[in-house]
Amino acid sequence: MSTSSHPSFIIVGLTVAGKRFRPSDWAERLCGVLSAFGAEKKMRYSPYVGPGTYSGEKAVFVNGSLYEVEPMAYRFVLHFAQDNDLQLIQDVGDIAETRRRS
């Protein structure tokens, strides 16, 4: 279970109206904004934000602990979903467990 006071959530690549969000690599692009290059000069996604699939659709999994580390980044991904009218699955609890089941 997440120990953060802010909820973990999933951004699903479908609008509230059910239309698929484009471009097709939107999840990787969004996660890329919050990624960093490691010592071996390879890009690494944040441990708090990662692409995946949810119910067969592209998705971004956001751990609520991101808020404790970088509140602006947490608000950025949340507002991205809201601004693009994307489906948001909130209060998912343990985001790592949810990703494994999806």
C-alpha atoms as a PDB file:
ATOM      1  CA  MET A   1       0.000   0.000   0.000  1.00  0.00           C
ATOM      2  CA  SER A   2       1.245   3.494  -0.814  1.00  0.00           C
ATOM      3  CA  THR A   3       2.382   5.522   2.198  1.00  0.00           C
ATOM      4  CA  SER A   4       1.874   8.825   0.371  1.00  0.00           C
ATOM      5  CA  SER A   5      -0.885  11.203   1.385  1.00  0.00           C
ATOM      6  CA  HIS A   6      -1.596  11.667  -2.332  1.00  0.00           C
ATOM      7  CA  PRO A   7      -3.309   8.918  -4.310  1.00  0.00           C
ATOM      8  CA  SER A   8      -1.670   6.809  -6.957  1.00  0.00           C
ATOM      9  CA  PHE A   9      -3.527   6.862 -10.254  1.00  0.00           C
ATOM     10  CA  ILE A  10      -3.571   5.534 -13.803  1.00  0.00           C
ATOM     11  CA  ILE A  11      -4.032   7.664 -16.897  1.00  0.00           C
ATOM     12  CA  VAL A  12      -5.742   5.562 -19.567  1.00  0.00           C
ATOM     13  CA  GLY A  13      -5.263   6.456 -23.242  1.00  0.00           C
ATOM     14  CA  LEU A  14      -8.982   6.898 -23.843  1.00  0.00           C
ATOM     15  CA  THR A  15     -10.923  10.111 -23.566  1.00  0.00           C
ATOM     16  CA  VAL A  16     -13.922  10.247 -21.271  1.00  0.00           C
ATOM     17  CA  ALA A  17     -16.008   9.878 -24.462  1.00  0.00           C
ATOM     18  CA  GLY A  18     -14.136   6.627 -25.278  1.00  0.00           C
ATOM     19  CA  LYS A  19     -11.993   7.915 -28.162  1.00  0.00           C
ATOM     20  CA  ARG A  20      -8.413   6.607 -28.359  1.00  0.00           C
ATOM     21  CA  PHE A  21      -5.824   9.275 -27.518  1.00  0.00           C
ATOM     22  CA  ARG A  22      -3.165  10.091 -30.122  1.00  0.00           C
ATOM     23  CA  PRO A  23      -0.303   9.972 -30.927  1.00  0.00           C
ATOM     24  CA  SER A  24       0.098   6.266 -30.305  1.00  0.00           C
ATOM     25  CA  ASP A  25       3.308   6.782 -28.297  1.00  0.00           C
ATOM     26  CA  TRP A  26       1.789   9.378 -25.957  1.00  0.00           C
ATOM     27  CA  ALA A  27       2.489   7.318 -22.817  1.00  0.00           C
ATOM     28  CA  GLU A  28       6.188   6.914 -23.601  1.00  0.00           C
ATOM     29  CA  ARG A  29       6.465  10.614 -24.454  1.00  0.00           C
ATOM     30  CA  LEU A  30       4.798  11.678 -21.219  1.00  0.00           C
ATOM     31  CA  CYS A  31       7.002   9.377 -19.153  1.00  0.00           C
ATOM     32  CA  GLY A  32      10.043  10.543 -21.119  1.00  0.00           C
ATOM     33  CA  VAL A  33       9.496  14.076 -19.852  1.00  0.00           C
ATOM     34  CA  LEU A  34      10.094  12.783 -16.319  1.00  0.00           C
ATOM     35  CA  SER A  35      12.964  10.441 -17.179  1.00  0.00           C
ATOM     36  CA  ALA A  36      16.694  10.848 -16.650  1.00  0.00           C
ATOM     37  CA  PHE A  37      19.876   9.520 -18.196  1.00  0.00           C
ATOM     38  CA  GLY A  38      21.843   7.164 -15.970  1.00  0.00           C
ATOM     39  CA  ALA A  39      25.580   6.664 -15.660  1.00  0.00           C
ATOM     40  CA  GLU A  40      25.538   4.165 -18.551  1.00  0.00           C
ATOM     41  CA  LYS A  41      24.011   6.904 -20.764  1.00  0.00           C
ATOM     42  CA  LYS A  42      20.677   5.147 -21.110  1.00  0.00           C
ATOM     43  CA  MET A  43      17.348   6.769 -20.458  1.00  0.00           C
ATOM     44  CA  ARG A  44      15.535   5.518 -17.363  1.00  0.00           C
ATOM     45  CA  TYR A  45      11.933   6.189 -16.536  1.00  0.00           C
ATOM     46  CA  SER A  46      11.182   7.675 -13.157  1.00  0.00           C
ATOM     47  CA  PRO A  47      10.492   5.045 -10.489  1.00  0.00           C
ATOM     48  CA  TYR A  48       7.236   6.938  -9.848  1.00  0.00           C
ATOM     49  CA  VAL A  49       5.862   7.259 -13.392  1.00  0.00           C
ATOM     50  CA  GLY A  50       5.883   4.539 -16.032  1.00  0.00           C
ATOM     51  CA  PRO A  51       4.128   3.492 -19.217  1.00  0.00           C
ATOM     52  CA  GLY A  52       2.144   0.296 -19.478  1.00  0.00           C
ATOM     53  CA  THR A  53      -1.242  -1.053 -20.457  1.00  0.00           C
ATOM     54  CA  TYR A  54      -4.506  -1.060 -18.565  1.00  0.00           C
ATOM     55  CA  SER A  55      -7.391  -3.177 -19.840  1.00  0.00           C
ATOM     56  CA  GLY A  56      -5.644  -3.420 -23.204  1.00  0.00           C
ATOM     57  CA  GLU A  57      -5.126   0.339 -23.600  1.00  0.00           C
ATOM     58  CA  LYS A  58      -1.943   2.391 -23.346  1.00  0.00           C
ATOM     59  CA  ALA A  59      -1.620   3.892 -19.900  1.00  0.00           C
ATOM     60  CA  VAL A  60       0.663   5.765 -17.539  1.00  0.00           C
ATOM     61  CA  PHE A  61       0.952   4.551 -13.948  1.00  0.00           C
ATOM     62  CA  VAL A  62       1.666   7.296 -11.408  1.00  0.00           C
ATOM     63  CA  ASN A  63       2.746   6.481  -7.870  1.00  0.00           C
ATOM     64  CA  GLY A  64       1.344   8.941  -5.320  1.00  0.00           C
ATOM     65  CA  SER A  65       4.798   9.119  -3.696  1.00  0.00           C
ATOM     66  CA  LEU A  66       5.829  11.290  -6.635  1.00  0.00           C
ATOM     67  CA  TYR A  67       4.124  14.173  -4.838  1.00  0.00           C
ATOM     68  CA  GLU A  68       6.487  13.820  -1.873  1.00  0.00           C
ATOM     69  CA  VAL A  69       9.526  13.938  -4.177  1.00  0.00           C
ATOM     70  CA  GLU A  70       8.348  16.485  -6.759  1.00  0.00           C
ATOM     71  CA  PRO A  71       4.887  18.031  -6.291  1.00  0.00           C
ATOM     72  CA  MET A  72       5.078  19.971  -9.566  1.00  0.00           C
ATOM     73  CA  ALA A  73       5.681  16.773 -11.543  1.00  0.00           C
ATOM     74  CA  TYR A  74       2.713  15.092  -9.821  1.00  0.00           C
ATOM     75  CA  ARG A  75       0.468  18.029 -10.696  1.00  0.00           C
ATOM     76  CA  PHE A  76       1.866  18.110 -14.249  1.00  0.00           C
ATOM     77  CA  VAL A  77       0.832  14.530 -15.077  1.00  0.00           C
ATOM     78  CA  LEU A  78      -2.525  14.937 -13.317  1.00  0.00           C
ATOM     79  CA  HIS A  79      -3.261  18.128 -15.273  1.00  0.00           C
ATOM     80  CA  PHE A  80      -2.108  16.458 -18.502  1.00  0.00           C
ATOM     81  CA  ALA A  81      -4.868  13.888 -18.048  1.00  0.00           C
ATOM     82  CA  GLN A  82      -7.465  16.487 -17.143  1.00  0.00           C
ATOM     83  CA  ASP A  83      -6.491  18.899 -19.942  1.00  0.00           C
ATOM     84  CA  ASN A  84      -6.747  16.106 -22.529  1.00  0.00           C
ATOM     85  CA  ASP A  85      -9.997  14.720 -21.078  1.00  0.00           C
ATOM     86  CA  LEU A  86      -8.397  11.318 -20.479  1.00  0.00           C
ATOM     87  CA  GLN A  87      -9.850   8.598 -18.298  1.00  0.00           C
ATOM     88  CA  LEU A  88      -8.321   8.598 -14.846  1.00  0.00           C
ATOM     89  CA  ILE A  89      -8.393   5.617 -12.507  1.00  0.00           C
ATOM     90  CA  GLN A  90      -7.829   7.051  -9.021  1.00  0.00           C
ATOM     91  CA  ASP A  91      -6.943   5.607  -5.637  1.00  0.00           C
ATOM     92  CA  VAL A  92      -5.435   2.425  -7.054  1.00  0.00           C
ATOM     93  CA  GLY A  93      -3.429   1.668  -3.908  1.00  0.00           C
ATOM     94  CA  ASP A  94      -0.228  -0.260  -4.662  1.00  0.00           C
ATOM     95  CA  ILE A  95       0.610   0.894  -8.184  1.00  0.00           C
ATOM     96  CA  ALA A  96       3.256  -1.827  -8.693  1.00  0.00           C
ATOM     97  CA  GLU A  97       0.713  -4.549  -7.905  1.00  0.00           C
ATOM     98  CA  THR A  98      -1.873  -2.894 -10.158  1.00  0.00           C
ATOM     99  CA  ARG A  99       0.629  -2.823 -13.060  1.00  0.00           C
ATOM    100  CA  ARG A 100       1.349  -6.537 -12.648  1.00  0.00           C
ATOM    101  CA  ARG A 101      -2.366  -7.408 -12.781  1.00  0.00           C
ATOM    102  CA  SER A 102      -3.144  -5.210 -15.821  1.00  0.00           C
END
